[in-house]
Protein backbone atom coordinates (compact mmCIF):
# COMPACT_ATOMS: atom_id res chain seq x y z
CA MET A 1 99.84 81.23 99.21
CA ILE A 2 101.20 83.88 97.36
CA ASP A 3 104.48 83.85 95.55
CA TYR A 4 106.42 87.00 94.62
CA HIS A 5 109.06 86.99 91.65
CA LEU A 6 111.34 89.83 90.60
CA ASP A 7 111.38 90.45 87.01
CA ALA A 8 109.93 87.16 85.97
CA PRO A 9 109.12 86.79 82.26
CA LEU A 10 105.30 87.86 81.92
CA GLU A 11 103.12 87.45 79.10
CA VAL A 12 101.22 90.45 77.84
CA ALA A 13 98.05 88.85 77.82
CA ASP A 14 98.25 88.16 81.79
CA ILE A 15 99.52 91.70 82.38
CA VAL A 16 96.43 92.88 80.65
CA ARG A 17 94.30 90.54 82.34
CA VAL A 18 95.51 91.61 85.71
CA LEU A 19 95.49 95.23 84.99
CA ASP A 20 91.81 95.09 83.67
CA ALA A 21 90.87 92.89 86.71
CA SER A 22 92.36 95.37 89.36
CA GLY A 23 90.30 98.47 88.09
CA ILE A 24 93.56 100.43 87.26
CA GLN A 25 93.16 102.70 84.10
CA ARG A 26 95.78 101.68 81.52
CA PRO A 27 95.39 101.37 77.82
CA THR A 28 94.97 97.79 77.79
CA GLN A 29 93.23 97.62 74.28
CA ASP A 30 96.54 98.37 73.08
CA THR A 31 98.62 95.21 73.85
CA ALA A 32 101.58 96.35 71.68
CA ARG A 33 101.91 99.63 74.10
CA ILE A 34 101.40 97.45 77.43
CA GLY A 35 104.10 95.22 76.13
CA ARG A 36 106.58 98.17 75.56
CA MET A 37 105.57 99.56 79.10
CA PHE A 38 106.67 96.53 80.65
CA ALA A 39 109.80 95.59 78.57
CA ALA A 40 111.21 99.29 79.41
CA ALA A 41 110.61 98.89 83.03
CA ASP A 42 113.56 98.51 85.38
CA ILE A 43 111.81 96.35 87.86
CA VAL A 44 108.56 94.47 87.65
CA VAL A 45 107.59 92.55 90.80
CA SER A 46 104.75 89.97 90.20
CA ALA A 47 102.51 88.28 92.45
CA TRP A 48 101.42 84.56 91.60
CA SER A 49 98.90 82.25 93.21
CA GLY A 50 100.08 78.87 91.81
CA ASP A 51 100.56 79.42 87.86
CA THR A 52 98.07 82.39 87.88
CA LEU A 53 99.38 86.23 88.00
CA VAL A 54 97.36 87.87 90.56
CA GLY A 55 99.18 91.29 90.89
CA LEU A 56 102.09 93.20 89.62
CA CYS A 57 104.16 96.42 90.16
CA ARG A 58 106.25 98.19 87.46
CA ALA A 59 108.84 100.72 88.45
CA LEU A 60 111.41 102.91 86.85
CA THR A 61 114.38 103.67 88.70
CA ASP A 62 118.27 104.62 88.78
CA PHE A 63 118.68 102.06 91.76
CA SER A 64 120.64 104.81 93.55
CA TYR A 65 118.35 107.65 94.49
CA CYS A 66 114.59 107.43 93.30
CA CYS A 67 112.33 105.04 92.01
CA TYR A 68 108.82 105.93 90.19
CA LEU A 69 106.24 103.17 91.07
CA SER A 70 104.32 103.60 87.78
CA ASP A 71 101.86 100.68 88.19
CA LEU A 72 100.50 98.94 91.35
CA ALA A 73 97.95 96.32 90.34
CA VAL A 74 96.05 93.48 91.97
CA ASP A 75 92.99 91.59 90.67
CA ARG A 76 89.94 92.41 92.32
CA ALA A 77 89.36 88.55 93.35
CA PHE A 78 92.68 88.81 95.14
CA GLN A 79 92.30 92.13 96.71
CA HIS A 80 92.30 92.86 100.72
CA ARG A 81 94.74 89.97 101.11
CA GLY A 82 98.06 92.08 101.62
CA ILE A 83 99.30 91.14 98.17
CA GLY A 84 99.76 95.07 97.25
CA SER A 85 101.76 95.34 100.52
CA GLY A 86 103.67 92.30 99.61
CA LEU A 87 104.44 94.06 96.01
CA ILE A 88 105.52 97.32 97.77
CA THR A 89 107.72 95.35 100.12
CA GLN A 90 109.53 93.14 97.54
CA LEU A 91 110.21 96.41 95.49
CA ARG A 92 111.59 98.21 98.46
CA ALA A 93 113.67 95.25 99.35
CA ALA A 94 115.00 95.16 95.84
CA LEU A 95 115.75 99.17 95.88
CA GLY A 96 117.48 99.15 99.33
CA GLU A 97 117.51 101.82 101.91
CA GLU A 98 119.11 104.74 99.54
CA VAL A 99 116.15 105.01 97.10
CA SER A 100 113.01 106.79 97.61
CA ILE A 101 109.61 105.66 95.89
CA VAL A 102 107.56 108.23 94.29
CA LEU A 103 104.09 107.62 92.59
CA LEU A 104 100.85 109.24 91.09
CA SER A 105 97.80 107.80 92.85
CA ALA A 106 94.48 107.19 91.01
CA PRO A 107 91.72 109.32 92.97
CA ALA A 108 90.19 106.16 94.35
CA ALA A 109 93.50 104.87 96.13
CA MET A 110 94.52 108.24 97.72
CA GLY A 111 93.61 106.50 100.98
CA TYR A 112 95.66 103.11 100.17
CA TYR A 113 99.19 104.84 100.11
CA PRO A 114 99.41 106.48 103.55
CA ARG A 115 98.40 103.02 104.92
CA GLN A 116 101.45 101.63 103.12
CA GLY A 117 103.95 104.33 104.82
CA PHE A 118 103.86 106.85 101.78
CA SER A 119 103.81 110.47 102.70
CA PRO A 120 101.72 113.00 100.49
CA ALA A 121 103.60 115.12 98.42
CA ASP A 122 102.39 118.84 97.53
CA ASN A 123 105.50 119.69 95.49
CA ALA A 124 104.93 117.56 92.18
CA PHE A 125 104.36 118.48 88.78
CA VAL A 126 102.90 116.55 85.86
CA LEU A 127 103.23 117.14 82.08
CA LYS A 128 100.05 115.01 80.98
CA ARG A 129 100.37 112.79 77.97
CA ALA A 130 98.28 113.57 74.77
CA ARG A 131 96.79 110.06 74.67
């Protein structure tokens, strides 16, 4: 059974473990940066199997119009069980009907998001980070 929590306190070591175990590319060797990333999030939804963090999503939002879903990660050992869908469902419930969710997908996950109800956008632009 998976339990979902909104804005539960998370240990940086647990976040790093899930990010690394999920396959998502984040600067996990820089734990201070990971800590800042999650401390500055407006919403973090976490997925738990007992006392073990197995998935998370981190989002930035104004709670009124738009939300950027920056991270969606599920430990590979727990993937294909609907946990990613559960994290998105919990995020949508917290945001309400007035807020759209946008994200940038990793190439390997491009087929995942349409199955979650996301529509592709061809009108997005990015200024990439230097590091």
